[in-house]
């Protein structure tokens, strides 16, 4: 009976680890997509001299918002990785 309980506990811990990894994968995919969006919308703009500086001002506000969102998502990913590390140490 003890061995079966131990196996069930191990299986549950492995499922928790798998779920944590999946959450991190989803979050990092969102980070990748948002960063590509930021790159395409703001950083890849072609400027042909001083007359095109307005192009940067146009998207500056939304680029700043996206950058803040990315920063928050990276912090969340770091926190999830720390949780995963704790789960692994418990195994």
N, C-alpha and C. Protein backbone atom coordinates (compact mmCIF):
# COMPACT_ATOMS: atom_id res chain seq x y z
N UNK A 1 0.82 -1.19 0.00
CA UNK A 1 0.00 0.00 0.00
C UNK A 1 0.87 1.26 0.00
N UNK A 2 1.97 1.23 0.75
CA UNK A 2 2.85 2.39 0.82
C UNK A 2 3.50 2.73 -0.52
N UNK A 3 3.86 1.68 -1.24
CA UNK A 3 4.50 1.90 -2.54
C UNK A 3 3.52 2.53 -3.53
N UNK A 4 2.29 2.06 -3.52
CA UNK A 4 1.27 2.60 -4.43
C UNK A 4 1.01 4.08 -4.13
N UNK A 5 0.93 4.41 -2.87
CA UNK A 5 0.71 5.80 -2.45
C UNK A 5 1.89 6.68 -2.90
N UNK A 6 3.08 6.14 -2.74
CA UNK A 6 4.28 6.87 -3.15
C UNK A 6 4.27 7.10 -4.67
N UNK A 7 3.86 6.08 -5.43
CA UNK A 7 3.79 6.21 -6.89
C UNK A 7 2.74 7.25 -7.29
N UNK A 8 1.60 7.25 -6.60
CA UNK A 8 0.56 8.23 -6.89
C UNK A 8 1.03 9.65 -6.57
N UNK A 9 1.75 9.78 -5.47
CA UNK A 9 2.30 11.10 -5.09
C UNK A 9 3.30 11.57 -6.14
N UNK A 10 4.16 10.66 -6.59
CA UNK A 10 5.16 11.00 -7.60
C UNK A 10 4.48 11.39 -8.91
N UNK A 11 3.44 10.66 -9.28
CA UNK A 11 2.70 10.97 -10.51
C UNK A 11 2.06 12.35 -10.41
N UNK A 12 1.48 12.67 -9.26
CA UNK A 12 0.87 13.98 -9.05
C UNK A 12 1.92 15.09 -9.14
N UNK A 13 3.08 14.87 -8.52
CA UNK A 13 4.16 15.86 -8.58
C UNK A 13 4.64 16.07 -10.02
N UNK A 14 4.74 14.98 -10.76
CA UNK A 14 5.18 15.08 -12.16
C UNK A 14 4.15 15.84 -13.00
N UNK A 15 2.85 15.61 -12.73
CA UNK A 15 1.80 16.36 -13.43
C UNK A 15 1.87 17.85 -13.07
N UNK A 16 2.14 18.16 -11.82
CA UNK A 16 2.30 19.56 -11.41
C UNK A 16 3.47 20.21 -12.13
N UNK A 17 4.55 19.48 -12.24
CA UNK A 17 5.73 19.99 -12.95
C UNK A 17 5.40 20.18 -14.43
N UNK A 18 4.72 19.22 -15.02
CA UNK A 18 4.33 19.32 -16.42
C UNK A 18 3.42 20.53 -16.65
N UNK A 19 2.46 20.74 -15.75
CA UNK A 19 1.57 21.90 -15.86
C UNK A 19 2.35 23.20 -15.74
N UNK A 20 3.31 23.25 -14.82
CA UNK A 20 4.12 24.46 -14.65
C UNK A 20 4.94 24.75 -15.90
N UNK A 21 5.49 23.72 -16.49
CA UNK A 21 6.27 23.89 -17.72
C UNK A 21 5.38 24.40 -18.84
N UNK A 22 4.18 23.83 -18.96
CA UNK A 22 3.24 24.28 -19.99
C UNK A 22 2.88 25.76 -19.80
N UNK A 23 2.63 26.19 -18.57
CA UNK A 23 2.32 27.59 -18.31
C UNK A 23 3.47 28.50 -18.74
N UNK A 24 4.68 28.07 -18.47
CA UNK A 24 5.85 28.87 -18.86
C UNK A 24 5.98 28.90 -20.38
N UNK A 25 5.74 27.77 -21.03
CA UNK A 25 5.81 27.75 -22.49
C UNK A 25 4.77 28.68 -23.12
N UNK A 26 3.57 28.69 -22.58
CA UNK A 26 2.52 29.59 -23.09
C UNK A 26 2.94 31.04 -22.89
N UNK A 27 3.45 31.34 -21.71
CA UNK A 27 3.87 32.71 -21.41
C UNK A 27 5.02 33.15 -22.31
N UNK A 28 6.00 32.29 -22.52
CA UNK A 28 7.13 32.68 -23.37
C UNK A 28 6.70 32.83 -24.83
N UNK A 29 5.72 32.06 -25.26
CA UNK A 29 5.19 32.24 -26.62
C UNK A 29 4.50 33.59 -26.74
N UNK A 30 3.75 33.98 -25.73
CA UNK A 30 3.11 35.30 -25.74
C UNK A 30 4.16 36.41 -25.75
N UNK A 31 5.22 36.23 -25.00
CA UNK A 31 6.31 37.22 -24.99
C UNK A 31 6.93 37.32 -26.38
N UNK A 32 7.17 36.18 -27.01
CA UNK A 32 7.77 36.17 -28.35
C UNK A 32 6.88 36.89 -29.34
N UNK A 33 5.58 36.60 -29.33
CA UNK A 33 4.65 37.21 -30.27
C UNK A 33 4.57 38.72 -30.04
N UNK A 34 4.46 39.14 -28.79
CA UNK A 34 4.37 40.56 -28.50
C UNK A 34 5.65 41.29 -28.86
N UNK A 35 6.80 40.67 -28.62
CA UNK A 35 8.06 41.32 -28.97
C UNK A 35 8.22 41.42 -30.49
N UNK A 36 7.76 40.41 -31.22
CA UNK A 36 7.80 40.50 -32.69
C UNK A 36 6.87 41.60 -33.19
N UNK A 37 5.72 41.73 -32.55
CA UNK A 37 4.78 42.80 -32.89
C UNK A 37 5.41 44.16 -32.66
N UNK A 38 6.08 44.31 -31.54
CA UNK A 38 6.77 45.57 -31.22
C UNK A 38 7.87 45.86 -32.24
N UNK A 39 8.61 44.83 -32.58
CA UNK A 39 9.70 45.00 -33.55
C UNK A 39 9.14 45.42 -34.92
N UNK A 40 8.09 44.76 -35.36
CA UNK A 40 7.53 45.07 -36.68
C UNK A 40 6.85 46.43 -36.70
N UNK A 41 6.11 46.75 -35.64
CA UNK A 41 5.35 48.00 -35.63
C UNK A 41 6.20 49.23 -35.36
N UNK A 42 7.23 49.09 -34.55
CA UNK A 42 7.95 50.29 -34.13
C UNK A 42 9.41 50.30 -34.59
N UNK A 43 10.13 49.26 -34.27
CA UNK A 43 11.57 49.28 -34.50
C UNK A 43 11.98 49.01 -35.95
N UNK A 44 11.08 48.52 -36.76
CA UNK A 44 11.46 48.25 -38.15
C UNK A 44 11.03 49.37 -39.10
N UNK A 45 10.55 50.45 -38.56
CA UNK A 45 10.13 51.57 -39.41
C UNK A 45 11.34 52.16 -40.13
N UNK A 46 11.14 52.40 -41.38
CA UNK A 46 12.20 52.98 -42.20
C UNK A 46 12.13 54.50 -42.12
N UNK A 47 13.22 55.09 -41.71
CA UNK A 47 13.30 56.54 -41.63
C UNK A 47 14.23 57.05 -42.71
N UNK A 48 13.72 57.97 -43.48
CA UNK A 48 14.52 58.55 -44.57
C UNK A 48 14.79 60.02 -44.26
N UNK A 49 15.58 60.20 -43.24
CA UNK A 49 15.96 61.56 -42.88
C UNK A 49 15.09 62.17 -41.80
N UNK A 50 15.38 63.43 -41.56
CA UNK A 50 14.73 64.17 -40.48
C UNK A 50 13.23 64.32 -40.68
N UNK A 51 12.80 64.37 -41.90
CA UNK A 51 11.37 64.55 -42.19
C UNK A 51 10.52 63.34 -41.77
N UNK A 52 11.13 62.21 -41.54
CA UNK A 52 10.39 61.01 -41.15
C UNK A 52 10.37 60.77 -39.63
N UNK A 53 10.89 61.71 -38.85
CA UNK A 53 10.93 61.54 -37.40
C UNK A 53 9.53 61.40 -36.80
N UNK A 54 8.53 61.94 -37.45
CA UNK A 54 7.16 61.83 -36.95
C UNK A 54 6.71 60.38 -36.85
N UNK A 55 7.31 59.52 -37.68
CA UNK A 55 6.95 58.10 -37.65
C UNK A 55 7.28 57.47 -36.30
N UNK A 56 8.36 57.91 -35.68
CA UNK A 56 8.72 57.39 -34.38
C UNK A 56 7.77 57.89 -33.29
N UNK A 57 7.39 59.15 -33.40
CA UNK A 57 6.50 59.74 -32.40
C UNK A 57 5.12 59.09 -32.44
N UNK A 58 4.69 58.69 -33.61
CA UNK A 58 3.37 58.07 -33.77
C UNK A 58 3.20 56.83 -32.91
N UNK A 59 4.14 55.96 -32.95
CA UNK A 59 3.99 54.70 -32.24
C UNK A 59 4.70 54.64 -30.90
N UNK A 60 5.28 55.75 -30.47
CA UNK A 60 6.08 55.74 -29.24
C UNK A 60 5.25 55.34 -28.03
N UNK A 61 4.06 55.89 -27.90
CA UNK A 61 3.22 55.61 -26.73
C UNK A 61 2.83 54.14 -26.68
N UNK A 62 2.34 53.59 -27.79
CA UNK A 62 1.95 52.18 -27.79
C UNK A 62 3.17 51.26 -27.64
N UNK A 63 4.32 51.68 -28.17
CA UNK A 63 5.54 50.88 -28.01
C UNK A 63 5.93 50.84 -26.53
N UNK A 64 5.77 51.95 -25.85
CA UNK A 64 6.07 52.00 -24.42
C UNK A 64 5.15 51.07 -23.63
N UNK A 65 3.89 51.06 -23.97
CA UNK A 65 2.93 50.18 -23.30
C UNK A 65 3.31 48.72 -23.53
N UNK A 66 3.62 48.38 -24.78
CA UNK A 66 4.01 47.00 -25.09
C UNK A 66 5.28 46.61 -24.35
N UNK A 67 6.21 47.55 -24.21
CA UNK A 67 7.46 47.27 -23.50
C UNK A 67 7.17 47.00 -22.02
N UNK A 68 6.27 47.77 -21.43
CA UNK A 68 5.91 47.54 -20.03
C UNK A 68 5.23 46.18 -19.86
N UNK A 69 4.36 45.83 -20.80
CA UNK A 69 3.70 44.53 -20.75
C UNK A 69 4.73 43.41 -20.85
N UNK A 70 5.68 43.56 -21.76
CA UNK A 70 6.73 42.55 -21.91
C UNK A 70 7.53 42.40 -20.62
N UNK A 71 7.86 43.52 -20.00
CA UNK A 71 8.60 43.47 -18.74
C UNK A 71 7.83 42.72 -17.67
N UNK A 72 6.55 42.99 -17.57
CA UNK A 72 5.71 42.29 -16.58
C UNK A 72 5.63 40.80 -16.89
N UNK A 73 5.55 40.46 -18.17
CA UNK A 73 5.48 39.05 -18.55
C UNK A 73 6.78 38.32 -18.25
N UNK A 74 7.90 38.99 -18.43
CA UNK A 74 9.19 38.38 -18.13
C UNK A 74 9.30 38.14 -16.62
N UNK A 75 8.85 39.10 -15.82
CA UNK A 75 8.85 38.90 -14.37
C UNK A 75 7.97 37.72 -13.99
N UNK A 76 6.80 37.62 -14.61
CA UNK A 76 5.91 36.49 -14.35
C UNK A 76 6.57 35.17 -14.73
N UNK A 77 7.26 35.15 -15.87
CA UNK A 77 7.95 33.92 -16.29
C UNK A 77 9.04 33.56 -15.28
N UNK A 78 9.79 34.55 -14.79
CA UNK A 78 10.81 34.28 -13.78
C UNK A 78 10.19 33.70 -12.52
N UNK A 79 9.05 34.24 -12.09
CA UNK A 79 8.37 33.73 -10.90
C UNK A 79 7.91 32.29 -11.11
N UNK A 80 7.39 32.00 -12.29
CA UNK A 80 6.95 30.64 -12.60
C UNK A 80 8.13 29.67 -12.63
N UNK A 81 9.26 30.13 -13.14
CA UNK A 81 10.46 29.29 -13.13
C UNK A 81 10.94 29.02 -11.70
N UNK A 82 10.82 30.01 -10.83
CA UNK A 82 11.20 29.81 -9.43
C UNK A 82 10.26 28.78 -8.77
N UNK A 83 8.96 28.86 -9.09
CA UNK A 83 8.01 27.88 -8.58
C UNK A 83 8.35 26.48 -9.09
N UNK A 84 8.71 26.39 -10.37
CA UNK A 84 9.08 25.11 -10.95
C UNK A 84 10.32 24.56 -10.26
N UNK A 85 11.26 25.42 -9.96
CA UNK A 85 12.48 24.99 -9.26
C UNK A 85 12.12 24.40 -7.89
N UNK A 86 11.19 25.03 -7.19
CA UNK A 86 10.75 24.51 -5.89
C UNK A 86 10.09 23.14 -6.05
N UNK A 87 9.26 23.00 -7.09
CA UNK A 87 8.62 21.71 -7.33
C UNK A 87 9.64 20.62 -7.60
N UNK A 88 10.67 20.97 -8.37
CA UNK A 88 11.70 19.98 -8.69
C UNK A 88 12.51 19.60 -7.46
N UNK A 89 12.76 20.56 -6.58
CA UNK A 89 13.51 20.25 -5.36
C UNK A 89 12.71 19.35 -4.43
N UNK A 90 11.39 19.45 -4.52
CA UNK A 90 10.52 18.64 -3.66
C UNK A 90 10.46 17.18 -4.11
N UNK A 91 10.82 16.93 -5.36
CA UNK A 91 10.74 15.56 -5.89
C UNK A 91 11.89 14.72 -5.39
